Amino acid sequence: MNSFNPSSIKGFFLRILRLLGALALIYCSMVFYLALTERQIAFPRAITHKEANAAIQGKAKQISCTLEDGNILSGWQLGSDNKSILLYFPDTDEDGAQFLAEAGENAQSTLVTFNYRGSGNNKGTPSSENFLDDARQITACASQITGRAPEIVAGRGIGAILAAEQLKYTKKSSLFLIDPISSIADKINEKYRLLYPKFLIRTKVDMPDLNEIAIPEQVILIQDRQNRQESNLIFEKEHPNFKKIKAQGSPLSNKLNQALQHLTAQTR
């Protein structure tokens, strides 16, 4: 008959505690590392997309925007000035040339976009201190280059936040939100989940209150990429009054044409 051995039970629990302690230490180390690198996570630098740049070469005119601190942002204009101006704000990890390559030349609108500070070949370091103000200056540059304020502002992902912010300065502009994300905190939390809880995220860049600054008939939600369906549905439920374009499998150029045709019908 086996006798009860309390020391073996104690040893077992000590091993469990040591394992839990090691896991807790690893978890805390990961959280600490993510906290230290939050700025780089929140504001990634988009790498130059060689294929997209090659696709628009000879079609899009290169333009630039000199910021108030002297940094110069590179950009493109695709189309002539006599059409409506659509100013596009890329996602934080997107080269603006990718949008132009996907959208192509448009019969209804001239497309204008700039890469952000630190993205593509641009110098500088993006941060929460300059992110929104850089977007304001981009809108001013686009207006100066084309001779008028953009009739449409559009953005993808976090760029949708910047596009919405521009309605504070271009009150008559329509708004295209492509796979929008409500905040940088949401984007970080979506990627890291429990590894970096949302309440620890310090970066505060949020979607403005669209009910206060936007005309519902002039806001269009465009669902483009398949991996954004879940977040798109959440955003759509929060904003049921906005027009939605969801043509699955359809290229971005077709979705933009649908959105532009909808705006034209609204103004008749």
Protein backbone atom coordinates (compact mmCIF):
# COMPACT_ATOMS: atom_id res chain seq x y z
CA MET A 1 0.00 0.00 0.00
CA ASN A 2 1.39 3.36 -1.03
CA SER A 3 1.82 5.79 1.79
CA PHE A 4 0.79 9.42 1.45
CA ASN A 5 3.84 11.57 0.66
CA PRO A 6 3.16 15.26 1.35
CA SER A 7 6.60 16.28 0.08
CA SER A 8 5.81 15.00 -3.43
CA ILE A 9 2.54 16.97 -3.46
CA LYS A 10 4.40 20.06 -2.29
CA GLY A 11 7.05 19.58 -4.98
CA PHE A 12 4.36 19.25 -7.65
CA PHE A 13 2.72 22.54 -6.65
CA LEU A 14 6.09 24.27 -6.47
CA ARG A 15 6.82 23.21 -10.05
CA ILE A 16 3.42 24.54 -11.13
CA LEU A 17 4.10 27.86 -9.38
CA ARG A 18 7.53 28.14 -10.99
CA LEU A 19 5.98 27.47 -14.42
CA LEU A 20 3.27 30.08 -13.83
CA GLY A 21 5.90 32.54 -12.63
CA ALA A 22 8.00 31.98 -15.75
CA LEU A 23 4.95 32.46 -18.00
CA ALA A 24 4.01 35.64 -16.11
CA LEU A 25 7.56 36.96 -16.51
CA ILE A 26 7.51 36.24 -20.26
CA TYR A 27 4.09 37.91 -20.63
CA CYS A 28 5.16 41.01 -18.67
CA SER A 29 8.34 41.24 -20.75
CA MET A 30 6.32 41.14 -23.98
CA VAL A 31 3.90 43.80 -22.71
CA PHE A 32 6.83 45.97 -21.64
CA TYR A 33 8.49 45.57 -25.06
CA LEU A 34 5.25 46.47 -26.89
CA ALA A 35 4.82 49.50 -24.63
CA LEU A 36 8.36 50.66 -25.45
CA THR A 37 7.80 50.26 -29.19
CA GLU A 38 4.21 51.56 -29.30
CA ARG A 39 5.06 54.59 -31.44
CA GLN A 40 6.61 52.40 -34.14
CA ILE A 41 3.61 50.05 -33.96
CA ALA A 42 1.10 52.90 -34.10
CA PHE A 43 2.88 54.77 -36.90
CA PRO A 44 4.64 52.23 -39.14
CA ARG A 45 6.66 53.54 -42.06
CA ALA A 46 5.23 52.42 -45.38
CA ILE A 47 7.83 50.82 -47.63
CA THR A 48 8.00 52.00 -51.24
CA HIS A 49 5.86 49.65 -53.32
CA LYS A 50 8.02 49.15 -56.41
CA GLU A 51 5.36 47.44 -58.54
CA ALA A 52 2.76 50.13 -57.82
CA ASN A 53 5.23 52.92 -58.53
CA ALA A 54 6.15 51.27 -61.83
CA ALA A 55 2.46 50.89 -62.74
CA ILE A 56 1.72 54.61 -62.38
CA GLN A 57 4.96 55.87 -63.91
CA GLY A 58 4.19 58.06 -66.90
CA LYS A 59 0.52 58.31 -65.87
CA ALA A 60 0.62 60.15 -62.54
CA LYS A 61 2.33 63.51 -62.10
CA GLN A 62 4.71 63.71 -59.15
CA ILE A 63 3.92 66.50 -56.69
CA SER A 64 5.24 67.49 -53.27
CA CYS A 65 4.11 69.17 -50.07
CA THR A 66 6.49 71.17 -47.87
CA LEU A 67 5.36 71.01 -44.25
CA GLU A 68 5.69 73.90 -41.83
CA ASP A 69 8.73 72.26 -40.18
CA GLY A 70 10.52 71.90 -43.53
CA ASN A 71 9.87 68.21 -44.16
CA ILE A 72 8.87 67.46 -47.74
CA LEU A 73 6.23 64.85 -48.55
CA SER A 74 6.14 63.21 -51.97
CA GLY A 75 2.87 62.60 -53.74
CA TRP A 76 1.09 62.12 -57.05
CA GLN A 77 -1.74 63.58 -59.08
CA LEU A 78 -3.55 61.27 -61.50
CA GLY A 79 -5.88 63.16 -63.82
CA SER A 80 -6.49 66.75 -64.91
CA ASP A 81 -7.57 69.70 -62.78
CA ASN A 82 -10.88 70.16 -64.63
CA LYS A 83 -12.45 67.13 -62.90
CA SER A 84 -13.56 66.83 -59.28
CA ILE A 85 -10.62 66.38 -56.90
CA LEU A 86 -10.43 63.28 -54.71
CA LEU A 87 -7.77 63.54 -52.00
CA TYR A 88 -6.78 60.13 -50.63
CA PHE A 89 -5.16 59.39 -47.26
CA PRO A 90 -3.41 55.97 -47.26
CA ASP A 91 -3.40 53.58 -44.34
CA THR A 92 -0.35 54.04 -42.11
CA ASP A 93 1.53 51.13 -43.69
CA GLU A 94 0.41 51.81 -47.27
CA ASP A 95 2.35 53.48 -50.07
CA GLY A 96 0.00 55.99 -51.72
CA ALA A 97 1.09 54.65 -55.10
CA GLN A 98 -0.73 51.41 -54.29
CA PHE A 99 -4.06 53.23 -54.22
CA LEU A 100 -3.41 54.92 -57.55
CA ALA A 101 -2.36 51.63 -59.13
CA GLU A 102 -5.52 49.91 -57.86
CA ALA A 103 -7.89 52.78 -58.63
CA GLY A 104 -6.46 53.65 -62.04
CA GLU A 105 -7.37 56.72 -64.06
CA ASN A 106 -10.91 57.84 -63.33
CA ALA A 107 -13.24 59.56 -65.78
CA GLN A 108 -15.01 61.46 -63.02
CA SER A 109 -12.28 62.49 -60.60
CA THR A 110 -8.64 63.49 -60.38
CA LEU A 111 -6.88 61.45 -57.70
CA VAL A 112 -4.37 63.14 -55.39
CA THR A 113 -2.40 61.44 -52.62
CA PHE A 114 0.75 61.92 -50.54
CA ASN A 115 2.89 59.55 -48.51
CA TYR A 116 3.21 60.42 -44.85
CA ARG A 117 6.21 61.64 -42.92
CA GLY A 118 8.75 58.80 -42.78
CA SER A 119 6.93 56.68 -45.39
CA GLY A 120 8.17 55.83 -48.86
CA ASN A 121 11.15 58.07 -49.55
CA ASN A 122 9.98 60.77 -47.14
CA LYS A 123 12.16 61.79 -44.21
CA GLY A 124 10.95 62.47 -40.69
CA THR A 125 9.41 60.54 -37.81
CA PRO A 126 5.63 60.15 -37.56
CA SER A 127 4.03 60.52 -34.14
CA SER A 128 0.77 61.42 -32.45
CA GLU A 129 2.10 64.98 -32.10
CA ASN A 130 2.36 65.59 -35.87
CA PHE A 131 0.01 63.01 -37.44
CA LEU A 132 -3.22 65.03 -37.54
CA ASP A 133 -1.51 68.34 -38.27
CA ASP A 134 0.43 66.83 -41.18
CA ALA A 135 -2.90 65.71 -42.65
CA ARG A 136 -4.27 69.25 -42.36
CA GLN A 137 -1.21 70.56 -44.20
CA ILE A 138 -1.58 67.86 -46.87
CA THR A 139 -5.11 69.08 -47.55
CA ALA A 140 -3.84 72.65 -47.81
CA CYS A 141 -1.11 71.54 -50.24
CA ALA A 142 -3.58 69.59 -52.38
CA SER A 143 -5.87 72.63 -52.51
CA GLN A 144 -2.99 74.87 -53.55
CA ILE A 145 -1.74 72.45 -56.23
CA THR A 146 -5.15 71.85 -57.81
CA GLY A 147 -6.47 75.37 -57.30
CA ARG A 148 -9.38 74.44 -55.04
CA ALA A 149 -10.35 72.39 -52.01
CA PRO A 150 -10.99 68.70 -52.75
CA GLU A 151 -14.61 67.87 -53.48
CA ILE A 152 -14.01 64.40 -52.01
CA VAL A 153 -11.71 63.22 -49.23
CA ALA A 154 -11.10 59.50 -48.90
CA GLY A 155 -9.02 57.27 -46.67
CA ARG A 156 -8.28 53.64 -45.94
CA GLY A 157 -7.91 52.13 -42.46
CA ILE A 158 -6.35 54.76 -40.17
CA GLY A 159 -6.25 57.06 -43.20
CA ALA A 160 -10.06 57.13 -42.96
CA ILE A 161 -9.67 58.99 -39.65
CA LEU A 162 -7.51 61.62 -41.35
CA ALA A 163 -9.99 61.92 -44.22
CA ALA A 164 -12.86 62.47 -41.77
CA GLU A 165 -10.82 65.07 -39.87
CA GLN A 166 -10.53 67.14 -43.06
CA LEU A 167 -14.27 67.84 -43.03
CA LYS A 168 -13.46 70.35 -40.29
CA TYR A 169 -11.57 72.37 -42.92
CA THR A 170 -13.40 71.41 -46.15
CA LYS A 171 -16.98 71.42 -44.90
CA LYS A 172 -18.54 70.85 -48.34
CA SER A 173 -16.44 67.79 -49.19
CA SER A 174 -17.91 64.31 -49.53
CA LEU A 175 -16.27 61.49 -47.58
CA PHE A 176 -15.28 57.99 -48.73
CA LEU A 177 -14.26 55.65 -45.90
CA ILE A 178 -12.50 52.54 -47.24
CA ASP A 179 -12.23 49.70 -44.69
CA PRO A 180 -12.24 52.32 -41.89
CA ILE A 181 -10.78 51.78 -38.43
CA SER A 182 -12.18 53.79 -35.52
CA SER A 183 -8.88 54.42 -33.73
CA ILE A 184 -5.21 53.53 -33.69
CA ALA A 185 -5.85 51.81 -30.34
CA ASP A 186 -8.39 49.54 -32.07
CA LYS A 187 -5.88 48.68 -34.80
CA ILE A 188 -3.15 47.80 -32.29
CA ASN A 189 -5.56 45.80 -30.12
CA GLU A 190 -6.88 43.96 -33.17
CA LYS A 191 -3.35 42.76 -33.90
CA TYR A 192 -2.02 41.96 -30.43
CA ARG A 193 -5.21 41.22 -28.45
CA LEU A 194 -4.33 40.10 -24.89
CA LEU A 195 -0.62 40.51 -25.53
CA TYR A 196 -1.13 44.27 -25.32
CA PRO A 197 -4.48 45.13 -23.68
CA LYS A 198 -6.28 48.16 -25.08
CA PHE A 199 -6.30 50.05 -21.75
CA LEU A 200 -2.48 50.16 -21.88
CA ILE A 201 -2.35 51.83 -25.31
CA ARG A 202 -1.36 55.48 -24.95
CA THR A 203 -1.70 56.65 -28.58
CA LYS A 204 -4.91 58.66 -28.95
CA VAL A 205 -5.93 59.09 -32.58
CA ASP A 206 -9.67 58.50 -32.94
CA MET A 207 -12.34 58.87 -35.58
CA PRO A 208 -14.13 62.21 -35.04
CA ASP A 209 -17.87 62.24 -34.40
CA LEU A 210 -19.18 61.83 -37.94
CA ASN A 211 -22.70 62.80 -36.87
CA GLU A 212 -21.38 66.26 -35.98
CA ILE A 213 -19.14 67.02 -38.97
CA ALA A 214 -20.54 65.00 -41.89
CA ILE A 215 -23.66 65.15 -44.04
CA PRO A 216 -24.97 61.54 -44.07
CA GLU A 217 -25.86 61.64 -47.78
CA GLN A 218 -22.26 62.56 -48.60
CA VAL A 219 -20.57 59.77 -46.64
CA ILE A 220 -19.94 56.41 -48.33
CA LEU A 221 -18.51 53.32 -46.64
CA ILE A 222 -16.55 51.13 -49.06
CA GLN A 223 -15.77 47.54 -48.10
CA ASP A 224 -12.74 46.55 -50.13
CA ARG A 225 -10.48 43.91 -48.61
CA GLN A 226 -11.80 40.53 -47.51
CA ASN A 227 -9.83 40.50 -44.25
CA ARG A 228 -11.61 43.68 -43.12
CA GLN A 229 -15.17 42.31 -43.32
CA GLU A 230 -15.65 41.83 -39.58
CA SER A 231 -14.46 45.32 -38.60
CA ASN A 232 -16.42 46.82 -41.51
CA LEU A 233 -19.63 45.26 -40.20
CA ILE A 234 -19.00 46.72 -36.74
CA PHE A 235 -18.40 50.17 -38.23
CA GLU A 236 -21.51 49.90 -40.41
CA LYS A 237 -23.70 49.04 -37.42
CA GLU A 238 -22.39 52.13 -35.64
CA HIS A 239 -23.23 54.30 -38.69
CA PRO A 240 -26.43 52.87 -40.25
CA ASN A 241 -27.31 56.06 -42.15
CA PHE A 242 -24.33 56.03 -44.51
CA LYS A 243 -24.35 54.56 -48.01
CA LYS A 244 -22.51 51.23 -48.21
CA ILE A 245 -20.69 49.66 -51.16
CA LYS A 246 -19.75 46.01 -50.67
CA ALA A 247 -19.27 44.46 -54.12
CA GLN A 248 -17.21 41.44 -53.09
CA GLY A 249 -14.54 40.44 -55.57
CA SER A 250 -14.96 43.71 -57.44
CA PRO A 251 -11.79 45.79 -57.98
CA LEU A 252 -11.38 49.05 -56.10
CA SER A 253 -11.74 51.03 -59.34
CA ASN A 254 -15.30 49.71 -59.77
CA LYS A 255 -16.21 50.52 -56.18
CA LEU A 256 -14.92 54.07 -56.55
CA ASN A 257 -16.98 54.49 -59.72
CA GLN A 258 -20.08 53.29 -57.87
CA ALA A 259 -19.42 55.77 -55.07
CA LEU A 260 -18.89 58.64 -57.51
CA GLN A 261 -22.05 57.75 -59.44
CA HIS A 262 -23.99 57.75 -56.17
CA LEU A 263 -22.74 61.26 -55.38
CA THR A 264 -23.67 62.45 -58.87
CA ALA A 265 -27.19 61.07 -58.42
CA GLN A 266 -27.48 62.86 -55.07
CA THR A 267 -26.70 66.24 -56.62
CA ARG A 268 -29.21 65.97 -59.48
